[in-house]
Amino acid sequence: MDMRRIVAVLAEEAEQQIRDQVWKLAPSDRALVLETAARLRDAVGLPDVQEALPQIKRLEHLRETLAVLAISLARTHGRLAWFLSGALNALEPVLRWRALPSEGGGTFGTVVPSPERYTEAEDAVRRLQDALAQITAKSVDPGSVQPDQQANGT
């Protein structure tokens, strides 16, 4: 299945859980989600910028997104950990990619992806960024709202 589709399904499930109030972020998770989204945005930018890069830099940026997700996963638990684990799983094909020719030696099972595969993975990362933004925007733990915010309706 296409990485974009896997991430879309993952994001839809997260958004549904938030709408159903099954998943409410704690303040510490909210901070982690915001940090993760920002770091993903730093790693994979706008399509025209990414596509102008050499393939080795595009791969470097995609590997950085895997590191960002793995570090965030290590720092949380529960639904957020499950979501981040799903995101890592969706981007798993990137782990087998290489940008350099094999020059006659073994490649440890790595492959050179097509430019379309790079675009697919980068689009999936952007969808993850959007999903993380939705998670923070829509998920408010009632315990994290200050009394003066409740009185003002904010």
N, C-alpha and C. Protein backbone atom coordinates (compact mmCIF):
# COMPACT_ATOMS: atom_id res chain seq x y z
N MET A 1 0.85 -1.18 0.00
CA MET A 1 0.00 0.00 0.00
C MET A 1 0.89 1.24 0.00
N ASP A 2 0.45 2.25 -0.64
CA ASP A 2 1.12 3.54 -0.75
C ASP A 2 1.30 4.17 0.65
N MET A 3 2.48 4.69 0.92
CA MET A 3 2.74 5.33 2.23
C MET A 3 1.75 6.44 2.53
N ARG A 4 1.39 7.20 1.49
CA ARG A 4 0.43 8.30 1.69
C ARG A 4 -0.90 7.76 2.20
N ARG A 5 -1.34 6.65 1.63
CA ARG A 5 -2.63 6.06 2.03
C ARG A 5 -2.57 5.52 3.45
N ILE A 6 -1.46 4.86 3.79
CA ILE A 6 -1.32 4.33 5.15
C ILE A 6 -1.38 5.47 6.16
N VAL A 7 -0.67 6.55 5.88
CA VAL A 7 -0.68 7.71 6.80
C VAL A 7 -2.06 8.36 6.83
N ALA A 8 -2.73 8.42 5.70
CA ALA A 8 -4.08 9.01 5.68
C ALA A 8 -5.04 8.21 6.56
N VAL A 9 -4.96 6.89 6.48
CA VAL A 9 -5.82 6.03 7.31
C VAL A 9 -5.47 6.22 8.79
N LEU A 10 -4.20 6.27 9.10
CA LEU A 10 -3.73 6.49 10.46
C LEU A 10 -4.25 7.84 10.99
N ALA A 11 -4.13 8.88 10.17
CA ALA A 11 -4.58 10.21 10.57
C ALA A 11 -6.09 10.25 10.77
N GLU A 12 -6.83 9.58 9.88
CA GLU A 12 -8.29 9.54 10.02
C GLU A 12 -8.69 8.86 11.32
N GLU A 13 -8.00 7.79 11.67
CA GLU A 13 -8.31 7.10 12.92
C GLU A 13 -8.03 8.00 14.12
N ALA A 14 -6.91 8.69 14.09
CA ALA A 14 -6.56 9.61 15.19
C ALA A 14 -7.59 10.71 15.31
N GLU A 15 -7.97 11.31 14.18
CA GLU A 15 -8.95 12.38 14.21
C GLU A 15 -10.30 11.90 14.71
N GLN A 16 -10.66 10.66 14.35
CA GLN A 16 -11.92 10.09 14.84
C GLN A 16 -11.88 9.89 16.35
N GLN A 17 -10.77 9.37 16.84
CA GLN A 17 -10.64 9.17 18.29
C GLN A 17 -10.71 10.49 19.05
N ILE A 18 -10.18 11.53 18.45
CA ILE A 18 -10.23 12.85 19.09
C ILE A 18 -11.66 13.38 19.06
N ARG A 19 -12.34 13.25 17.92
CA ARG A 19 -13.74 13.69 17.82
C ARG A 19 -14.62 12.95 18.82
N ASP A 20 -14.37 11.65 18.97
CA ASP A 20 -15.15 10.83 19.90
C ASP A 20 -14.71 11.01 21.35
N GLN A 21 -13.73 11.84 21.56
CA GLN A 21 -13.15 12.13 22.88
C GLN A 21 -12.60 10.89 23.57
N VAL A 22 -12.14 9.95 22.75
CA VAL A 22 -11.47 8.76 23.26
C VAL A 22 -10.01 9.11 23.57
N TRP A 23 -9.45 10.01 22.78
CA TRP A 23 -8.06 10.40 22.92
C TRP A 23 -8.00 11.87 23.27
N LYS A 24 -7.47 12.15 24.45
CA LYS A 24 -7.26 13.52 24.91
C LYS A 24 -5.79 13.64 25.30
N LEU A 25 -5.13 14.62 24.74
CA LEU A 25 -3.71 14.79 25.03
C LEU A 25 -3.49 15.42 26.39
N ALA A 26 -2.54 14.88 27.11
CA ALA A 26 -2.06 15.53 28.34
C ALA A 26 -1.16 16.69 27.90
N PRO A 27 -0.98 17.69 28.76
CA PRO A 27 -0.10 18.81 28.38
C PRO A 27 1.30 18.38 27.94
N SER A 28 1.87 17.37 28.60
CA SER A 28 3.21 16.91 28.21
C SER A 28 3.19 16.30 26.81
N ASP A 29 2.12 15.56 26.49
CA ASP A 29 1.99 14.99 25.14
C ASP A 29 1.77 16.09 24.11
N ARG A 30 1.01 17.11 24.47
CA ARG A 30 0.77 18.22 23.55
C ARG A 30 2.10 18.88 23.16
N ALA A 31 2.95 19.10 24.15
CA ALA A 31 4.26 19.70 23.88
C ALA A 31 5.09 18.80 22.97
N LEU A 32 5.05 17.50 23.22
CA LEU A 32 5.79 16.55 22.40
C LEU A 32 5.26 16.53 20.97
N VAL A 33 3.95 16.57 20.80
CA VAL A 33 3.36 16.58 19.46
C VAL A 33 3.77 17.84 18.70
N LEU A 34 3.73 18.98 19.37
CA LEU A 34 4.13 20.24 18.72
C LEU A 34 5.60 20.20 18.32
N GLU A 35 6.44 19.68 19.20
CA GLU A 35 7.87 19.57 18.90
C GLU A 35 8.10 18.62 17.73
N THR A 36 7.41 17.50 17.73
CA THR A 36 7.55 16.51 16.66
C THR A 36 7.13 17.10 15.32
N ALA A 37 5.99 17.77 15.30
CA ALA A 37 5.52 18.40 14.05
C ALA A 37 6.52 19.42 13.53
N ALA A 38 7.08 20.22 14.42
CA ALA A 38 8.06 21.23 14.00
C ALA A 38 9.31 20.57 13.44
N ARG A 39 9.77 19.52 14.08
CA ARG A 39 10.97 18.84 13.60
C ARG A 39 10.73 18.13 12.27
N LEU A 40 9.53 17.59 12.08
CA LEU A 40 9.20 16.99 10.78
C LEU A 40 9.18 18.07 9.70
N ARG A 41 8.62 19.22 10.03
CA ARG A 41 8.56 20.33 9.08
C ARG A 41 9.96 20.80 8.71
N ASP A 42 10.88 20.82 9.69
CA ASP A 42 12.26 21.20 9.42
C ASP A 42 12.95 20.19 8.49
N ALA A 43 12.61 18.92 8.65
CA ALA A 43 13.26 17.87 7.86
C ALA A 43 12.74 17.81 6.44
N VAL A 44 11.43 17.88 6.27
CA VAL A 44 10.82 17.78 4.94
C VAL A 44 10.01 19.04 4.69
N GLY A 45 10.52 19.85 3.78
CA GLY A 45 9.87 21.11 3.48
C GLY A 45 8.87 21.00 2.34
N LEU A 46 8.66 22.11 1.71
CA LEU A 46 7.69 22.22 0.62
C LEU A 46 8.10 21.33 -0.56
N PRO A 47 7.12 20.85 -1.32
CA PRO A 47 7.43 19.94 -2.43
C PRO A 47 8.46 20.49 -3.42
N ASP A 48 8.33 21.73 -3.83
CA ASP A 48 9.27 22.26 -4.82
C ASP A 48 10.69 22.33 -4.28
N VAL A 49 10.84 22.60 -2.99
CA VAL A 49 12.16 22.64 -2.37
C VAL A 49 12.75 21.23 -2.31
N GLN A 50 11.96 20.27 -1.85
CA GLN A 50 12.44 18.89 -1.74
C GLN A 50 12.81 18.32 -3.10
N GLU A 51 11.97 18.54 -4.08
CA GLU A 51 12.20 17.95 -5.40
C GLU A 51 13.43 18.51 -6.09
N ALA A 52 13.85 19.71 -5.68
CA ALA A 52 15.04 20.32 -6.27
C ALA A 52 16.33 19.76 -5.67
N LEU A 53 16.22 19.05 -4.57
CA LEU A 53 17.41 18.49 -3.90
C LEU A 53 17.91 17.24 -4.61
N PRO A 54 19.21 16.96 -4.49
CA PRO A 54 19.72 15.68 -4.99
C PRO A 54 19.09 14.54 -4.19
N GLN A 55 18.98 13.37 -4.80
CA GLN A 55 18.33 12.25 -4.13
C GLN A 55 18.99 11.90 -2.80
N ILE A 56 20.28 12.03 -2.71
CA ILE A 56 20.96 11.68 -1.45
C ILE A 56 20.51 12.61 -0.32
N LYS A 57 20.26 13.88 -0.62
CA LYS A 57 19.76 14.82 0.40
C LYS A 57 18.30 14.53 0.74
N ARG A 58 17.52 14.17 -0.26
CA ARG A 58 16.12 13.81 0.01
C ARG A 58 16.07 12.60 0.93
N LEU A 59 16.92 11.61 0.67
CA LEU A 59 16.96 10.43 1.51
C LEU A 59 17.42 10.79 2.92
N GLU A 60 18.40 11.65 3.01
CA GLU A 60 18.88 12.11 4.32
C GLU A 60 17.73 12.75 5.11
N HIS A 61 16.96 13.59 4.46
CA HIS A 61 15.83 14.26 5.12
C HIS A 61 14.77 13.25 5.56
N LEU A 62 14.49 12.27 4.72
CA LEU A 62 13.50 11.25 5.08
C LEU A 62 13.99 10.40 6.24
N ARG A 63 15.26 10.08 6.26
CA ARG A 63 15.81 9.32 7.39
C ARG A 63 15.73 10.15 8.67
N GLU A 64 15.92 11.45 8.53
CA GLU A 64 15.79 12.33 9.70
C GLU A 64 14.37 12.28 10.26
N THR A 65 13.37 12.19 9.39
CA THR A 65 11.99 12.11 9.88
C THR A 65 11.78 10.82 10.68
N LEU A 66 12.41 9.73 10.24
CA LEU A 66 12.32 8.48 10.99
C LEU A 66 12.94 8.64 12.37
N ALA A 67 14.06 9.34 12.44
CA ALA A 67 14.71 9.57 13.73
C ALA A 67 13.83 10.43 14.64
N VAL A 68 13.23 11.46 14.07
CA VAL A 68 12.33 12.33 14.85
C VAL A 68 11.19 11.51 15.43
N LEU A 69 10.57 10.69 14.60
CA LEU A 69 9.45 9.87 15.07
C LEU A 69 9.90 8.86 16.12
N ALA A 70 11.06 8.25 15.92
CA ALA A 70 11.55 7.26 16.88
C ALA A 70 11.87 7.91 18.23
N ILE A 71 12.48 9.07 18.21
CA ILE A 71 12.80 9.76 19.46
C ILE A 71 11.52 10.17 20.18
N SER A 72 10.55 10.66 19.44
CA SER A 72 9.27 11.04 20.05
C SER A 72 8.57 9.82 20.62
N LEU A 73 8.60 8.72 19.88
CA LEU A 73 7.98 7.47 20.35
C LEU A 73 8.61 7.03 21.67
N ALA A 74 9.91 7.16 21.78
CA ALA A 74 10.61 6.74 23.00
C ALA A 74 10.23 7.60 24.20
N ARG A 75 9.70 8.78 23.96
CA ARG A 75 9.38 9.71 25.04
C ARG A 75 7.92 9.72 25.46
N THR A 76 7.11 8.78 24.95
CA THR A 76 5.69 8.79 25.29
C THR A 76 5.15 7.38 25.41
N HIS A 77 3.87 7.28 25.68
CA HIS A 77 3.19 5.99 25.81
C HIS A 77 1.73 6.18 25.42
N GLY A 78 0.97 5.11 25.47
CA GLY A 78 -0.46 5.18 25.18
C GLY A 78 -0.76 5.51 23.73
N ARG A 79 -1.87 6.20 23.51
CA ARG A 79 -2.34 6.46 22.14
C ARG A 79 -1.35 7.23 21.30
N LEU A 80 -0.66 8.18 21.89
CA LEU A 80 0.33 8.92 21.11
C LEU A 80 1.45 7.99 20.66
N ALA A 81 1.89 7.10 21.52
CA ALA A 81 2.92 6.13 21.14
C ALA A 81 2.41 5.22 20.03
N TRP A 82 1.15 4.81 20.14
CA TRP A 82 0.58 3.93 19.11
C TRP A 82 0.53 4.66 17.77
N PHE A 83 0.13 5.94 17.80
CA PHE A 83 0.07 6.74 16.57
C PHE A 83 1.47 6.88 15.96
N LEU A 84 2.45 7.24 16.78
CA LEU A 84 3.82 7.41 16.27
C LEU A 84 4.39 6.10 15.75
N SER A 85 4.06 5.00 16.41
CA SER A 85 4.49 3.68 15.94
C SER A 85 3.90 3.39 14.56
N GLY A 86 2.63 3.72 14.38
CA GLY A 86 1.99 3.54 13.08
C GLY A 86 2.65 4.40 12.01
N ALA A 87 3.04 5.61 12.39
CA ALA A 87 3.71 6.51 11.44
C ALA A 87 5.06 5.93 11.02
N LEU A 88 5.80 5.43 11.99
CA LEU A 88 7.08 4.80 11.67
C LEU A 88 6.89 3.59 10.77
N ASN A 89 5.88 2.80 11.07
CA ASN A 89 5.60 1.62 10.25
C ASN A 89 5.25 2.03 8.82
N ALA A 90 4.48 3.09 8.66
CA ALA A 90 4.10 3.56 7.32
C ALA A 90 5.32 3.97 6.49
N LEU A 91 6.30 4.57 7.15
CA LEU A 91 7.49 5.05 6.45
C LEU A 91 8.62 4.02 6.41
N GLU A 92 8.36 2.81 6.86
CA GLU A 92 9.35 1.76 6.92
C GLU A 92 10.10 1.50 5.61
N PRO A 93 9.45 1.60 4.44
CA PRO A 93 10.20 1.36 3.20
C PRO A 93 11.44 2.24 3.05
N VAL A 94 11.42 3.43 3.63
CA VAL A 94 12.57 4.34 3.53
C VAL A 94 13.82 3.69 4.12
N LEU A 95 13.66 2.81 5.08
CA LEU A 95 14.81 2.15 5.72
C LEU A 95 15.59 1.28 4.74
N ARG A 96 14.95 0.86 3.65
CA ARG A 96 15.62 -0.02 2.68
C ARG A 96 16.15 0.75 1.47
N TRP A 97 16.02 2.06 1.49
CA TRP A 97 16.45 2.84 0.33
C TRP A 97 17.92 3.23 0.43
N ARG A 98 18.52 3.38 -0.74
CA ARG A 98 19.87 3.92 -0.82
C ARG A 98 19.91 4.89 -2.00
N ALA A 99 20.79 5.84 -1.94
CA ALA A 99 20.92 6.81 -3.02
C ALA A 99 22.21 6.60 -3.82
N LEU A 100 23.09 5.77 -3.32
CA LEU A 100 24.38 5.56 -3.98
C LEU A 100 24.37 4.26 -4.78
N PRO A 101 25.13 4.20 -5.88
CA PRO A 101 25.22 2.95 -6.65
C PRO A 101 25.97 1.90 -5.84
N SER A 102 25.73 0.64 -6.15
CA SER A 102 26.35 -0.45 -5.38
C SER A 102 27.80 -0.69 -5.78
N GLU A 103 28.19 -0.27 -6.96
CA GLU A 103 29.55 -0.44 -7.47
C GLU A 103 30.04 -1.88 -7.34
N GLY A 104 29.15 -2.82 -7.66
CA GLY A 104 29.52 -4.22 -7.71
C GLY A 104 29.49 -4.95 -6.39
N GLY A 105 29.33 -4.26 -5.28
CA GLY A 105 29.30 -4.93 -3.98
C GLY A 105 27.88 -5.23 -3.55
N GLY A 106 27.75 -5.90 -2.44
CA GLY A 106 26.44 -6.19 -1.88
C GLY A 106 25.78 -4.92 -1.36
N THR A 107 24.47 -4.96 -1.28
CA THR A 107 23.73 -3.76 -0.87
C THR A 107 22.91 -3.98 0.40
N PHE A 108 23.07 -5.14 1.03
CA PHE A 108 22.33 -5.45 2.26
C PHE A 108 20.83 -5.34 2.07
N GLY A 109 20.37 -5.62 0.86
CA GLY A 109 18.94 -5.59 0.57
C GLY A 109 18.36 -4.21 0.30
N THR A 110 19.21 -3.21 0.17
CA THR A 110 18.71 -1.87 -0.11
C THR A 110 18.44 -1.70 -1.60
N VAL A 111 17.59 -0.74 -1.91
CA VAL A 111 17.21 -0.46 -3.30
C VAL A 111 17.29 1.03 -3.56
N VAL A 112 17.45 1.38 -4.82
CA VAL A 112 17.39 2.78 -5.23
C VAL A 112 15.94 3.08 -5.60
N PRO A 113 15.27 3.95 -4.86
CA PRO A 113 13.87 4.24 -5.14
C PRO A 113 13.73 5.19 -6.34
N SER A 114 12.57 5.16 -6.93
CA SER A 114 12.28 6.10 -8.03
C SER A 114 12.00 7.48 -7.44
N PRO A 115 12.11 8.52 -8.26
CA PRO A 115 11.75 9.86 -7.77
C PRO A 115 10.31 9.92 -7.24
N GLU A 116 9.43 9.12 -7.83
CA GLU A 116 8.03 9.09 -7.37
C GLU A 116 7.92 8.55 -5.95
N ARG A 117 8.78 7.59 -5.60
CA ARG A 117 8.76 7.03 -4.24
C ARG A 117 9.22 8.08 -3.22
N TYR A 118 10.22 8.90 -3.61
CA TYR A 118 10.63 9.99 -2.73
C TYR A 118 9.46 10.94 -2.49
N THR A 119 8.79 11.29 -3.58
CA THR A 119 7.64 12.20 -3.47
C THR A 119 6.55 11.60 -2.60
N GLU A 120 6.29 10.31 -2.78
CA GLU A 120 5.28 9.62 -1.98
C GLU A 120 5.62 9.71 -0.49
N ALA A 121 6.86 9.42 -0.14
CA ALA A 121 7.28 9.45 1.27
C ALA A 121 7.22 10.87 1.82
N GLU A 122 7.65 11.84 1.03
CA GLU A 122 7.62 13.23 1.49
C GLU A 122 6.18 13.71 1.68
N ASP A 123 5.30 13.31 0.79
CA ASP A 123 3.87 13.65 0.95
C ASP A 123 3.31 13.01 2.21
N ALA A 124 3.72 11.78 2.50
CA ALA A 124 3.26 11.10 3.71
C ALA A 124 3.73 11.85 4.96
N VAL A 125 4.96 12.34 4.94
CA VAL A 125 5.47 13.11 6.08
C VAL A 125 4.67 14.40 6.24
N ARG A 126 4.36 15.05 5.14
CA ARG A 126 3.54 16.27 5.23
C ARG A 126 2.15 15.97 5.79
N ARG A 127 1.58 14.84 5.43
CA ARG A 127 0.27 14.45 5.98
C ARG A 127 0.40 14.18 7.47
N LEU A 128 1.52 13.59 7.90
CA LEU A 128 1.77 13.41 9.33
C LEU A 128 1.84 14.75 10.04
N GLN A 129 2.50 15.71 9.42
CA GLN A 129 2.57 17.05 10.00
C GLN A 129 1.17 17.61 10.20
N ASP A 130 0.32 17.47 9.18
CA ASP A 130 -1.06 17.95 9.27
C ASP A 130 -1.83 17.21 10.37
N ALA A 131 -1.64 15.91 10.45
CA ALA A 131 -2.34 15.12 11.46
C ALA A 131 -1.92 15.54 12.86
N LEU A 132 -0.64 15.77 13.06
CA LEU A 132 -0.17 16.22 14.37
C LEU A 132 -0.76 17.58 14.72
N ALA A 133 -0.87 18.45 13.73
CA ALA A 133 -1.50 19.76 13.97
C ALA A 133 -2.96 19.59 14.37
N GLN A 134 -3.67 18.68 13.71
CA GLN A 134 -5.06 18.41 14.05
C GLN A 134 -5.19 17.83 15.45
N ILE A 135 -4.28 16.96 15.80
CA ILE A 135 -4.31 16.34 17.11
C ILE A 135 -4.19 17.41 18.20
N THR A 136 -3.28 18.34 18.03
CA THR A 136 -3.11 19.38 19.05
C THR A 136 -4.24 20.39 19.02
N ALA A 137 -4.79 20.65 17.86
CA ALA A 137 -5.85 21.65 17.76
C ALA A 137 -7.18 21.16 18.32
N LYS A 138 -7.46 19.88 18.15
CA LYS A 138 -8.77 19.35 18.51
C LYS A 138 -8.81 18.61 19.83
N SER A 139 -7.68 18.21 20.34
CA SER A 139 -7.66 17.39 21.55
C SER A 139 -7.27 18.24 22.74
N VAL A 140 -8.23 18.50 23.59
CA VAL A 140 -7.98 19.27 24.79
C VAL A 140 -8.40 18.43 25.98
N ASP A 141 -7.46 18.13 26.84
CA ASP A 141 -7.76 17.41 28.07
C ASP A 141 -8.44 18.41 29.01
N PRO A 142 -9.67 18.13 29.44
CA PRO A 142 -10.38 19.07 30.31
C PRO A 142 -9.57 19.45 31.54
N GLY A 143 -8.73 18.57 32.02
CA GLY A 143 -7.91 18.89 33.18
C GLY A 143 -6.82 19.89 32.89
N SER A 144 -6.53 20.13 31.60
CA SER A 144 -5.47 21.07 31.25
C SER A 144 -6.00 22.48 31.02
N VAL A 145 -7.32 22.66 31.04
CA VAL A 145 -7.90 23.99 30.84
C VAL A 145 -7.90 24.72 32.17
N GLN A 146 -7.40 25.94 32.15
CA GLN A 146 -7.34 26.74 33.37
C GLN A 146 -8.72 27.27 33.72
N PRO A 147 -9.03 27.48 35.00
CA PRO A 147 -10.36 27.95 35.42
C PRO A 147 -10.77 29.24 34.74
N ASP A 148 -9.84 30.18 34.55
CA ASP A 148 -10.23 31.44 33.90
C ASP A 148 -10.56 31.23 32.44
N GLN A 149 -9.96 30.20 31.79
CA GLN A 149 -10.30 29.88 30.41
C GLN A 149 -11.70 29.30 30.33
N GLN A 150 -12.08 28.48 31.33
CA GLN A 150 -13.43 27.93 31.35
C GLN A 150 -14.47 29.02 31.52
N ALA A 151 -14.18 29.98 32.37
CA ALA A 151 -15.14 31.08 32.61
C ALA A 151 -15.33 31.93 31.36
N ASN A 152 -14.24 32.09 30.58
CA ASN A 152 -14.32 32.92 29.37
C ASN A 152 -14.81 32.11 28.17
N GLY A 153 -14.95 30.81 28.35
CA GLY A 153 -15.38 29.97 27.22
C GLY A 153 -14.30 29.70 26.23
N THR A 154 -13.02 29.91 26.63
CA THR A 154 -11.90 29.67 25.71
C THR A 154 -11.14 28.44 26.10
